[in-house]
Amino acid sequence: MLALVLVLLLALLLFGAGFALKVLWWVALIVFALWLLGFVARGTNASGSRGRWYRW
């Protein structure tokens, strides 16, 4: 009985981890797409040049 409970807990844990990783992949793809859009559509500064992408 204890072995069955451990196997079920392991299956539940692996299912939860797989779901979380899939969600994290979608979040990473969305953030990457927004970063690319920001990189392409960045504005110009007063002198007309594009300037630095990162502000730090």
Protein backbone atom coordinates (compact mmCIF):
# COMPACT_ATOMS: atom_id res chain seq x y z
CA MET A 1 0.00 0.00 0.00
CA LEU A 2 2.81 2.41 0.85
CA ALA A 3 4.49 1.66 -2.47
CA LEU A 4 1.27 2.44 -4.34
CA VAL A 5 0.92 5.78 -2.52
CA LEU A 6 4.56 6.65 -3.30
CA VAL A 7 4.10 5.80 -6.98
CA LEU A 8 0.94 7.90 -7.16
CA LEU A 9 2.69 10.81 -5.44
CA LEU A 10 5.61 10.52 -7.85
CA ALA A 11 3.24 10.48 -10.84
CA LEU A 12 1.43 13.53 -9.49
CA LEU A 13 4.72 15.34 -8.91
CA LEU A 14 6.01 14.56 -12.40
CA PHE A 15 2.70 15.61 -13.97
CA GLY A 16 2.79 18.90 -12.07
CA ALA A 17 6.40 19.54 -13.05
CA GLY A 18 5.66 18.79 -16.70
CA PHE A 19 2.69 21.17 -16.69
CA ALA A 20 4.72 23.90 -14.98
CA LEU A 21 7.57 23.52 -17.47
CA LYS A 22 5.15 23.73 -20.40
CA VAL A 23 3.67 26.93 -18.97
CA LEU A 24 7.16 28.35 -18.42
CA TRP A 25 8.05 27.62 -22.06
CA TRP A 26 5.00 29.60 -23.23
CA VAL A 27 5.88 32.47 -20.90
CA ALA A 28 9.47 32.45 -22.19
CA LEU A 29 8.25 32.55 -25.81
CA ILE A 30 5.91 35.47 -25.09
CA VAL A 31 8.65 37.43 -23.31
CA PHE A 32 11.07 36.73 -26.17
CA ALA A 33 8.51 37.93 -28.74
CA LEU A 34 7.92 41.13 -26.75
CA TRP A 35 11.67 41.68 -26.48
CA LEU A 36 12.05 41.30 -30.24
CA LEU A 37 9.20 43.73 -30.86
CA GLY A 38 10.79 46.23 -28.49
CA PHE A 39 14.15 45.79 -30.17
CA VAL A 40 12.70 46.41 -33.64
CA ALA A 41 10.35 49.23 -32.67
CA ARG A 42 12.60 51.19 -30.34
CA GLY A 43 12.54 54.92 -30.77
CA THR A 44 15.26 57.33 -31.73
CA ASN A 45 16.89 59.86 -29.45
CA ALA A 46 17.25 63.61 -30.04
CA SER A 47 20.23 63.24 -32.38
CA GLY A 48 18.35 60.83 -34.63
CA SER A 49 20.40 57.76 -33.82
CA ARG A 50 18.95 54.64 -32.31
CA GLY A 51 21.18 54.76 -29.22
CA ARG A 52 21.67 51.97 -26.75
CA TRP A 53 19.08 49.23 -26.35
CA TYR A 54 19.78 48.69 -22.65
CA ARG A 55 19.68 51.70 -20.34
CA TRP A 56 22.15 50.56 -17.69
